[in-house]
N, C-alpha and C. Protein backbone atom coordinates (compact mmCIF):
# COMPACT_ATOMS: atom_id res chain seq x y z
N MET A 1 119.70 106.98 -50.15
CA MET A 1 119.10 107.33 -48.98
C MET A 1 119.52 106.89 -47.58
N ASN A 2 119.77 107.56 -46.52
CA ASN A 2 120.37 107.22 -45.22
C ASN A 2 119.21 106.50 -44.69
N LYS A 3 119.22 105.06 -43.95
CA LYS A 3 117.86 104.43 -43.34
C LYS A 3 118.65 104.53 -41.79
N SER A 4 118.38 105.58 -40.92
CA SER A 4 118.88 105.33 -39.78
C SER A 4 118.04 106.02 -38.31
N TYR A 5 118.19 105.66 -37.17
CA TYR A 5 117.08 106.53 -36.55
C TYR A 5 117.36 107.91 -36.06
N THR A 6 116.48 108.55 -35.76
CA THR A 6 116.84 110.03 -35.30
C THR A 6 116.98 109.79 -33.77
N LEU A 7 117.43 110.66 -33.17
CA LEU A 7 117.53 110.79 -31.89
C LEU A 7 116.61 111.05 -31.00
N ILE A 8 115.29 111.61 -31.63
CA ILE A 8 114.25 111.63 -31.10
C ILE A 8 113.56 109.93 -31.04
N GLU A 9 113.77 109.36 -32.08
CA GLU A 9 113.01 108.35 -32.02
C GLU A 9 113.83 107.36 -31.27
N VAL A 10 115.16 107.36 -31.19
CA VAL A 10 115.74 106.74 -30.11
C VAL A 10 115.35 106.77 -28.63
N LEU A 11 115.10 108.18 -28.32
CA LEU A 11 114.36 108.84 -26.99
C LEU A 11 113.27 108.35 -26.83
N VAL A 12 112.54 108.16 -28.17
CA VAL A 12 111.22 107.70 -27.72
C VAL A 12 111.10 106.32 -26.97
N ALA A 13 111.79 105.44 -28.04
CA ALA A 13 112.10 103.97 -27.96
C ALA A 13 112.69 103.45 -26.32
N VAL A 14 113.36 104.29 -25.93
CA VAL A 14 114.18 104.05 -24.78
C VAL A 14 113.10 104.58 -23.30
N SER A 15 112.67 105.53 -23.62
CA SER A 15 111.47 105.86 -22.63
C SER A 15 110.13 105.09 -22.55
N ILE A 16 109.78 104.32 -23.68
CA ILE A 16 108.58 103.54 -23.35
C ILE A 16 109.57 102.00 -22.89
N PHE A 17 110.47 101.36 -23.49
CA PHE A 17 111.09 100.39 -22.59
C PHE A 17 111.09 100.62 -21.34
N THR A 18 111.61 101.75 -21.06
CA THR A 18 112.00 102.13 -19.30
C THR A 18 110.52 102.00 -18.70
N ILE A 19 109.57 102.40 -19.16
CA ILE A 19 108.36 102.50 -18.67
C ILE A 19 107.84 100.81 -18.99
N ILE A 20 107.84 100.38 -19.56
CA ILE A 20 107.42 98.88 -19.61
C ILE A 20 108.15 97.63 -18.97
N ILE A 21 109.84 98.18 -18.50
CA ILE A 21 110.56 97.74 -17.44
C ILE A 21 110.02 97.88 -15.79
N ALA A 22 110.27 99.16 -15.75
CA ALA A 22 109.93 99.77 -14.45
C ALA A 22 108.74 99.20 -13.46
N ALA A 23 107.57 99.10 -14.56
CA ALA A 23 106.28 98.54 -13.65
C ALA A 23 106.48 97.24 -12.96
N PRO A 24 106.75 96.44 -13.62
CA PRO A 24 107.11 95.11 -12.95
C PRO A 24 108.32 94.65 -12.21
N THR A 25 109.35 95.68 -12.46
CA THR A 25 110.38 95.68 -11.50
C THR A 25 109.92 96.27 -10.27
N GLY A 26 109.13 97.37 -10.09
CA GLY A 26 108.73 97.85 -8.62
C GLY A 26 108.02 96.81 -8.01
N PHE A 27 107.03 96.05 -8.91
CA PHE A 27 105.97 95.04 -8.45
C PHE A 27 106.92 93.71 -7.81
N LEU A 28 107.89 93.64 -8.42
CA LEU A 28 108.79 92.69 -8.36
C LEU A 28 109.17 92.74 -6.73
N VAL A 29 109.68 94.09 -6.43
CA VAL A 29 110.24 95.03 -5.12
C VAL A 29 109.29 94.62 -3.79
N GLY A 30 108.36 95.16 -4.23
CA GLY A 30 107.18 95.18 -3.36
C GLY A 30 106.60 93.94 -3.05
N SER A 31 106.54 92.90 -3.74
CA SER A 31 106.48 91.13 -3.48
C SER A 31 107.76 90.76 -2.77
N LEU A 32 108.78 90.93 -2.96
CA LEU A 32 109.88 90.61 -2.39
C LEU A 32 110.23 90.98 -0.68
N LYS A 33 109.50 92.44 -0.79
CA LYS A 33 109.31 92.93 0.94
C LYS A 33 107.98 92.09 1.60
N GLY A 34 107.27 92.33 0.71
CA GLY A 34 106.06 91.40 1.36
C GLY A 34 106.71 89.96 1.93
N GLN A 35 107.16 89.35 1.35
CA GLN A 35 107.59 87.91 1.19
C GLN A 35 108.69 87.93 2.66
N GLN A 36 109.31 89.19 2.79
CA GLN A 36 110.41 89.01 3.77
C GLN A 36 109.67 89.13 5.13
N LYS A 37 108.35 90.23 5.11
CA LYS A 37 107.63 90.34 6.03
C LYS A 37 106.99 89.35 6.80
N ALA A 38 106.04 88.59 5.52
CA ALA A 38 105.46 87.36 5.98
C ALA A 38 106.22 86.15 6.66
N LEU A 39 107.77 86.03 6.14
CA LEU A 39 108.57 85.02 6.88
C LEU A 39 109.07 85.56 7.82
N ALA A 40 109.41 86.63 8.28
CA ALA A 40 109.56 87.19 9.53
C ALA A 40 108.49 86.90 10.71
N SER A 41 107.22 87.23 9.96
CA SER A 41 105.89 87.24 10.92
C SER A 41 105.79 85.92 11.32
N GLN A 42 106.25 84.99 10.12
CA GLN A 42 105.79 83.28 10.59
C GLN A 42 107.31 82.92 11.85
N LYS A 43 108.15 83.43 11.65
CA LYS A 43 109.28 83.11 12.30
C LYS A 43 108.83 83.04 13.84
N LEU A 44 108.24 84.71 14.06
CA LEU A 44 108.16 85.45 15.45
C LEU A 44 106.86 84.41 16.00
N LEU A 45 105.89 83.93 14.77
CA LEU A 45 104.51 82.99 15.68
C LEU A 45 104.95 81.89 15.85
N ASP A 46 106.17 80.91 15.43
CA ASP A 46 106.49 80.09 15.73
C ASP A 46 107.35 79.78 16.75
N ASN A 47 108.03 80.65 17.08
CA ASN A 47 109.17 81.08 17.93
C ASN A 47 108.20 81.36 19.42
N THR A 48 106.87 82.25 19.03
CA THR A 48 106.16 82.69 20.50
C THR A 48 105.16 81.37 21.04
N SER A 49 105.02 81.04 19.90
CA SER A 49 103.80 79.50 19.97
C SER A 49 104.49 78.44 20.91
N TYR A 50 105.99 78.30 20.41
CA TYR A 50 106.62 77.23 21.01
C TYR A 50 106.99 77.47 22.81
N THR A 51 107.45 78.71 22.98
CA THR A 51 107.77 79.58 23.98
C THR A 51 106.71 79.42 25.12
N LEU A 52 105.16 80.00 24.40
CA LEU A 52 104.08 79.75 25.48
C LEU A 52 103.49 78.34 25.24
N GLU A 53 103.66 77.60 24.61
CA GLU A 53 103.56 76.16 24.97
C GLU A 53 104.48 75.35 26.19
N TYR A 54 105.31 75.49 25.97
CA TYR A 54 106.51 75.08 26.94
C TYR A 54 106.29 75.87 28.19
N ILE A 55 106.20 76.89 28.80
CA ILE A 55 105.68 77.71 29.63
C ILE A 55 104.51 77.19 30.37
N SER A 56 103.29 77.07 29.18
CA SER A 56 102.02 76.59 29.68
C SER A 56 102.21 75.20 30.71
N ARG A 57 102.74 74.33 29.49
CA ARG A 57 102.91 72.88 30.37
C ARG A 57 103.97 72.95 31.35
N ALA A 58 104.73 73.69 31.74
CA ALA A 58 105.23 73.71 32.79
C ALA A 58 104.45 74.43 33.87
N LEU A 59 103.65 75.48 33.89
CA LEU A 59 102.72 75.86 34.86
C LEU A 59 101.77 74.98 35.15
N ARG A 60 101.09 74.36 34.05
CA ARG A 60 100.02 73.49 34.81
C ARG A 60 100.23 72.08 35.44
N MET A 61 101.70 71.67 35.26
CA MET A 61 102.12 70.60 36.16
C MET A 61 102.75 71.27 37.35
N ALA A 62 103.19 72.26 37.78
CA ALA A 62 103.60 72.79 38.87
C ALA A 62 102.85 71.91 40.29
N LYS A 63 103.76 72.07 41.01
CA LYS A 63 103.48 71.84 42.45
C LYS A 63 103.47 72.54 43.61
N LYS A 64 102.56 72.51 44.53
CA LYS A 64 102.44 73.17 45.78
C LYS A 64 103.67 72.93 46.68
N GLU A 65 104.45 74.20 46.90
CA GLU A 65 105.26 74.14 48.04
C GLU A 65 104.84 73.50 49.53
N LEU A 66 105.00 72.26 49.89
CA LEU A 66 104.23 71.95 51.09
C LEU A 66 104.91 71.41 52.11
N SER A 67 106.86 71.46 51.99
CA SER A 67 107.76 71.44 52.74
C SER A 67 108.20 72.30 53.17
N ALA A 68 109.28 72.50 54.16
CA ALA A 68 109.92 73.64 54.17
C ALA A 68 110.47 74.40 53.12
N PRO A 69 110.32 75.58 52.98
CA PRO A 69 110.37 76.49 51.85
C PRO A 69 112.14 76.27 51.19
N ALA A 70 112.28 75.59 50.24
CA ALA A 70 113.41 75.60 49.54
C ALA A 70 113.71 76.33 48.25
N CYS A 71 112.17 76.38 47.46
CA CYS A 71 112.19 77.09 46.11
C CYS A 71 111.56 78.66 46.57
N LEU A 72 110.65 78.20 46.90
CA LEU A 72 109.75 79.63 47.06
C LEU A 72 109.69 80.10 48.46
N SER A 73 109.56 81.42 48.69
CA SER A 73 109.70 81.87 49.89
C SER A 73 108.82 81.87 51.51
N GLN A 74 107.89 80.90 51.14
CA GLN A 74 107.11 80.33 52.09
C GLN A 74 106.41 79.14 51.80
N ASN A 75 106.01 78.45 52.73
CA ASN A 75 105.37 77.44 53.13
C ASN A 75 103.96 77.75 52.02
N GLY A 76 103.22 76.61 51.49
CA GLY A 76 102.00 76.73 50.90
C GLY A 76 101.71 77.50 49.71
N LEU A 77 102.84 77.96 48.84
CA LEU A 77 102.70 78.55 47.62
C LEU A 77 102.82 77.81 46.61
N ASN A 78 102.03 78.04 45.30
CA ASN A 78 101.87 77.13 44.31
C ASN A 78 103.18 78.09 43.21
N TYR A 79 103.11 79.42 43.08
CA TYR A 79 103.90 80.47 42.17
C TYR A 79 104.45 81.38 43.30
N GLU A 80 105.21 82.48 42.60
CA GLU A 80 105.96 83.38 43.23
C GLU A 80 106.67 84.13 42.22
N ILE A 81 105.93 85.43 42.44
CA ILE A 81 106.24 86.43 41.33
C ILE A 81 107.70 87.14 41.79
N THR A 82 108.40 87.08 40.71
CA THR A 82 109.95 87.54 41.07
C THR A 82 110.51 88.74 40.27
N ARG A 83 111.55 89.18 40.49
CA ARG A 83 112.33 89.96 39.13
C ARG A 83 110.92 91.21 38.90
N SER A 84 110.58 91.83 39.78
CA SER A 84 109.42 92.94 39.96
C SER A 84 108.38 92.75 38.47
N GLU A 85 107.99 91.38 38.97
CA GLU A 85 106.87 91.26 38.19
C GLU A 85 107.32 90.84 36.50
N THR A 86 108.65 90.72 36.02
CA THR A 86 109.03 89.93 35.01
C THR A 86 109.47 88.55 35.22
N GLY A 87 109.21 87.91 36.34
CA GLY A 87 109.81 86.42 36.73
C GLY A 87 108.74 85.81 37.46
N LEU A 88 108.76 84.56 37.32
CA LEU A 88 107.61 83.66 38.36
C LEU A 88 108.64 82.33 38.35
N LYS A 89 108.40 81.89 39.65
CA LYS A 89 109.21 80.67 40.49
C LYS A 89 108.07 79.63 40.54
N PHE A 90 108.34 78.60 40.67
CA PHE A 90 107.59 77.41 41.17
C PHE A 90 108.18 76.41 41.18
N ILE A 91 107.53 75.28 41.68
CA ILE A 91 108.27 74.01 41.79
C ILE A 91 107.57 73.19 40.60
N ASN A 92 108.66 72.51 39.97
CA ASN A 92 107.76 71.78 38.67
C ASN A 92 107.73 70.47 38.80
N TYR A 93 106.82 69.96 38.20
CA TYR A 93 106.64 68.21 38.18
C TYR A 93 107.52 67.41 38.76
N LYS A 94 109.15 67.52 38.54
CA LYS A 94 110.31 66.81 38.97
C LYS A 94 110.61 67.25 40.56
N GLU A 95 109.82 68.02 40.87
CA GLU A 95 110.64 68.48 42.28
C GLU A 95 111.97 69.38 42.19
N GLU A 96 111.73 69.99 40.74
CA GLU A 96 113.05 70.97 41.11
C GLU A 96 112.52 72.82 40.86
N CYS A 97 112.93 73.41 41.34
CA CYS A 97 113.06 74.88 41.43
C CYS A 97 113.23 75.49 39.92
N GLN A 98 112.06 75.79 39.53
CA GLN A 98 112.04 76.33 37.94
C GLN A 98 111.49 77.80 37.96
N GLU A 99 112.27 78.79 37.04
CA GLU A 99 111.80 80.16 37.15
C GLU A 99 111.85 80.66 35.76
N PHE A 100 111.01 81.38 35.13
CA PHE A 100 110.69 82.08 34.06
C PHE A 100 110.99 83.59 34.12
N PHE A 101 112.29 83.97 33.55
CA PHE A 101 112.52 85.46 33.94
C PHE A 101 112.61 86.15 32.54
N LEU A 102 112.59 87.69 32.63
CA LEU A 102 112.82 88.27 31.42
C LEU A 102 114.48 88.82 31.79
N GLU A 103 115.64 88.57 30.67
CA GLU A 103 116.86 88.94 31.21
C GLU A 103 117.13 89.79 29.83
N GLY A 104 117.25 91.08 30.06
CA GLY A 104 117.57 92.18 28.94
C GLY A 104 116.42 91.92 28.08
N ASP A 105 116.40 91.58 26.67
CA ASP A 105 115.20 91.63 25.82
C ASP A 105 115.01 90.15 25.75
N ARG A 106 115.40 89.27 26.18
CA ARG A 106 115.25 87.53 26.14
C ARG A 106 114.68 86.76 27.28
N LEU A 107 113.73 86.29 26.81
CA LEU A 107 112.92 85.29 28.12
C LEU A 107 113.88 84.18 28.11
N LYS A 108 114.30 83.88 29.63
CA LYS A 108 115.39 82.77 30.10
C LYS A 108 114.27 81.91 31.31
N GLU A 109 114.87 80.75 31.19
CA GLU A 109 114.36 80.02 32.10
C GLU A 109 115.80 79.29 33.12
N SER A 110 115.69 79.18 34.17
CA SER A 110 116.11 78.54 35.36
C SER A 110 115.94 77.39 35.86
N LYS A 111 116.36 76.45 35.72
CA LYS A 111 115.72 75.06 36.34
C LYS A 111 117.01 74.78 37.23
N ASP A 112 116.95 74.49 38.33
CA ASP A 112 117.84 74.08 39.65
C ASP A 112 119.32 74.58 39.22
N GLY A 113 119.09 76.08 38.88
CA GLY A 113 120.74 76.65 38.77
C GLY A 113 121.15 76.84 37.22
N ILE A 114 120.28 76.19 36.51
CA ILE A 114 121.22 76.08 35.07
C ILE A 114 119.92 76.88 34.27
N GLU A 115 120.81 77.73 33.57
CA GLU A 115 120.06 78.63 32.91
C GLU A 115 119.93 78.49 31.35
N ASN A 116 118.68 78.54 30.66
CA ASN A 116 118.76 78.51 29.41
C ASN A 116 117.75 79.66 28.66
N TYR A 117 118.26 80.30 27.47
CA TYR A 117 117.07 80.89 26.88
C TYR A 117 116.12 80.47 25.82
N LEU A 118 115.06 80.77 26.22
CA LEU A 118 113.67 80.42 25.54
C LEU A 118 113.59 80.90 24.17
N THR A 119 113.96 82.49 24.03
CA THR A 119 113.47 82.95 23.09
C THR A 119 115.05 83.04 21.96
N SER A 120 114.47 83.01 20.84
CA SER A 120 115.95 83.44 19.94
C SER A 120 116.64 84.74 20.00
N GLU A 121 117.56 85.03 19.74
CA GLU A 121 118.52 85.91 19.46
C GLU A 121 117.69 87.36 19.00
N ASP A 122 117.22 86.98 17.26
CA ASP A 122 116.91 88.11 16.65
C ASP A 122 115.45 88.35 17.28
N LEU A 123 114.73 88.02 18.35
CA LEU A 123 113.52 88.03 18.78
C LEU A 123 113.71 89.40 19.96
N GLU A 124 112.81 90.18 20.19
CA GLU A 124 112.93 91.24 21.41
C GLU A 124 111.79 91.41 21.92
N ILE A 125 111.93 90.75 23.27
CA ILE A 125 110.79 90.61 24.08
C ILE A 125 110.73 92.28 24.64
N THR A 126 109.67 93.04 24.52
CA THR A 126 109.44 94.53 24.78
C THR A 126 108.50 94.75 26.00
N SER A 127 108.09 93.51 26.60
CA SER A 127 106.95 93.99 27.61
C SER A 127 106.73 92.19 28.19
N LEU A 128 107.30 92.00 29.47
CA LEU A 128 106.55 90.60 30.08
C LEU A 128 106.53 90.99 31.35
N LYS A 129 105.21 90.60 31.73
CA LYS A 129 104.79 90.72 32.96
C LYS A 129 103.82 89.58 33.41
N PHE A 130 103.99 89.16 34.67
CA PHE A 130 103.37 87.91 35.26
C PHE A 130 102.26 88.39 36.62
N LYS A 131 100.99 87.68 36.61
CA LYS A 131 99.95 88.11 37.65
C LYS A 131 99.51 86.80 37.84
N LEU A 132 99.57 86.66 39.33
CA LEU A 132 98.70 85.60 40.21
C LEU A 132 97.59 85.94 40.21
N SER A 133 96.78 84.87 40.56
CA SER A 133 95.54 85.07 41.04
C SER A 133 95.02 83.39 41.54
N GLY A 134 93.88 83.73 42.74
CA GLY A 134 93.99 82.24 43.32
C GLY A 134 94.61 81.65 44.43
N GLN A 135 95.98 82.56 44.52
CA GLN A 135 96.92 82.11 45.52
C GLN A 135 96.65 81.49 46.93
N SER A 136 95.79 82.47 47.54
CA SER A 136 95.53 82.07 48.85
C SER A 136 94.69 80.89 49.38
N GLN A 137 94.83 79.99 50.26
CA GLN A 137 94.40 78.81 50.65
C GLN A 137 92.74 79.13 51.24
N THR A 138 92.55 80.59 51.32
CA THR A 138 91.46 80.61 52.17
C THR A 138 90.01 81.21 51.37
N ASP A 139 90.68 80.84 50.14
CA ASP A 139 89.47 81.29 48.68
C ASP A 139 89.29 79.85 48.14
N THR A 140 88.32 79.80 47.18
CA THR A 140 88.05 78.42 46.38
C THR A 140 88.54 78.73 44.86
N ASP A 141 89.22 79.86 44.90
CA ASP A 141 89.80 79.81 43.24
C ASP A 141 91.14 78.94 43.51
N GLN A 142 90.96 78.66 41.96
CA GLN A 142 91.96 77.32 41.39
C GLN A 142 93.65 78.58 41.22
N PRO A 143 94.55 78.13 41.90
CA PRO A 143 95.53 79.13 41.29
C PRO A 143 95.89 79.34 40.09
N ARG A 144 96.03 80.79 39.50
CA ARG A 144 96.48 80.43 38.06
C ARG A 144 97.33 81.77 37.83
N VAL A 145 97.95 81.35 36.68
CA VAL A 145 99.24 83.00 36.26
C VAL A 145 98.87 83.28 34.80
N THR A 146 98.55 84.70 34.76
CA THR A 146 98.27 85.56 33.62
C THR A 146 99.55 86.13 33.20
N ILE A 147 99.91 85.39 31.72
CA ILE A 147 100.91 86.24 31.43
C ILE A 147 100.64 87.48 30.26
N PHE A 148 101.22 88.45 30.29
CA PHE A 148 101.53 89.54 29.32
C PHE A 148 102.75 89.69 28.98
N LEU A 149 102.58 89.49 27.64
CA LEU A 149 103.61 89.46 26.68
C LEU A 149 103.59 89.90 25.31
N GLU A 150 104.51 91.02 25.34
CA GLU A 150 104.93 91.82 23.51
C GLU A 150 106.21 91.50 23.08
N ILE A 151 106.11 91.05 21.92
CA ILE A 151 107.03 90.46 21.68
C ILE A 151 107.64 90.81 19.80
N LYS A 152 108.68 91.26 19.79
CA LYS A 152 109.02 92.09 18.20
C LYS A 152 109.73 91.05 17.78
N GLY A 153 109.71 90.88 16.24
CA GLY A 153 110.91 89.98 15.41
C GLY A 153 111.39 90.66 14.56
N GLY A 154 112.55 90.55 14.43
CA GLY A 154 112.95 90.71 12.99
C GLY A 154 114.55 91.68 13.61
N LYS A 155 114.85 91.56 14.81
CA LYS A 155 116.11 92.47 15.00
C LYS A 155 116.77 92.70 14.37
N GLY A 156 117.42 93.76 13.95
CA GLY A 156 118.57 94.18 13.18
C GLY A 156 118.17 94.58 11.92
N GLN A 157 116.63 93.97 11.59
CA GLN A 157 116.35 94.45 10.07
C GLN A 157 115.56 95.81 9.94
N MET A 158 115.05 96.36 8.80
CA MET A 158 114.29 97.56 8.97
C MET A 158 113.04 97.63 9.97
N PRO A 159 112.88 98.56 10.44
CA PRO A 159 111.87 98.82 11.22
C PRO A 159 110.54 98.28 10.62
N GLU A 160 110.20 98.62 9.36
CA GLU A 160 109.06 98.36 8.85
C GLU A 160 108.66 97.03 8.64
N LEU A 161 109.51 96.10 8.61
CA LEU A 161 109.67 94.55 8.45
C LEU A 161 109.72 93.93 9.89
N GLN A 162 109.63 94.37 10.96
CA GLN A 162 109.60 93.85 12.58
C GLN A 162 108.15 93.93 12.87
N PRO A 163 107.63 92.40 12.91
CA PRO A 163 106.06 92.38 13.55
C PRO A 163 106.15 92.46 14.65
N LEU A 164 104.99 92.57 15.42
CA LEU A 164 104.96 92.62 16.50
C LEU A 164 103.57 91.82 17.22
N ILE A 165 103.77 91.11 18.48
CA ILE A 165 102.70 90.51 18.53
C ILE A 165 102.22 90.90 20.43
N LYS A 166 100.98 90.86 20.59
CA LYS A 166 100.61 91.28 22.13
C LYS A 166 99.90 90.08 22.08
N ILE A 167 100.45 89.49 23.55
CA ILE A 167 99.32 88.25 23.93
C ILE A 167 98.85 88.50 25.52
N GLN A 168 97.91 88.04 25.66
CA GLN A 168 97.30 87.73 27.08
C GLN A 168 97.24 86.33 27.64
N THR A 169 97.56 85.50 28.05
CA THR A 169 96.93 84.41 28.13
C THR A 169 96.94 83.96 29.90
N THR A 170 96.05 83.21 30.23
CA THR A 170 95.86 82.60 31.81
C THR A 170 96.11 81.04 31.57
N ILE A 171 96.78 80.63 32.75
CA ILE A 171 97.01 78.89 33.05
C ILE A 171 96.56 79.08 34.34
N SER A 172 96.13 77.80 34.60
CA SER A 172 95.83 77.27 35.92
C SER A 172 96.66 76.09 35.99
N GLN A 173 96.66 75.46 37.00
CA GLN A 173 97.42 74.65 37.79
C GLN A 173 96.56 73.38 37.29
N ARG A 174 97.12 72.10 36.92
CA ARG A 174 96.06 71.02 36.35
C ARG A 174 95.83 70.29 37.78
N ASN A 175 96.43 70.14 38.85
CA ASN A 175 95.98 69.41 39.74
C ASN A 175 94.93 70.65 40.81
N LEU A 176 93.99 69.94 41.36
CA LEU A 176 93.03 70.59 42.04
C LEU A 176 93.92 71.19 43.43
N ASP A 177 93.44 72.43 43.66
CA ASP A 177 94.63 73.14 45.09
C ASP A 177 93.13 73.51 45.99
N VAL A 178 92.57 72.29 46.83
CA VAL A 178 91.68 72.60 47.51
C VAL A 178 92.18 72.46 49.00
N PRO A 179 91.88 72.87 49.57
CA PRO A 179 91.93 72.21 51.10
C PRO A 179 91.28 71.19 51.26
N TYR A 180 92.07 70.11 52.13
CA TYR A 180 91.25 68.97 52.59
C TYR A 180 90.93 68.81 54.12
């Protein structure tokens, strides 16, 4: 008597084995994609948070141009919009001329002519705009800057893994800007 398996028995066993293995494998692949997306989102949040905190601190400490205009276009300004609303220039607390601006798809800083990138190479700023309020000495409003920022992470990765953040924040100067 021959004790071997028939072809049908082998095919049924292989099919059952494939079904049992395929389900956890699909779950594992989905989990790995979810983890990649979560890590990309966290990296984007970390970089965006750092950049906005750095800009906010500099803008809060800005000083008014009181002497002959060396940095800004006219005397009496706190901030000045540059580069078609994608740049902002001011005098920082060290009396240096400082500017934040969009170059390509990255945020850049110029401080006394020395330029540095503020965002990582693998992040892409899709939109940046600065808006000023309370700049006039004839009103009673404190000067403030509103920043509109749209930033995408994971440049070079699959589009479905690229998180996107849209932020709008307003920053006012720490020192009161009132006429004496």
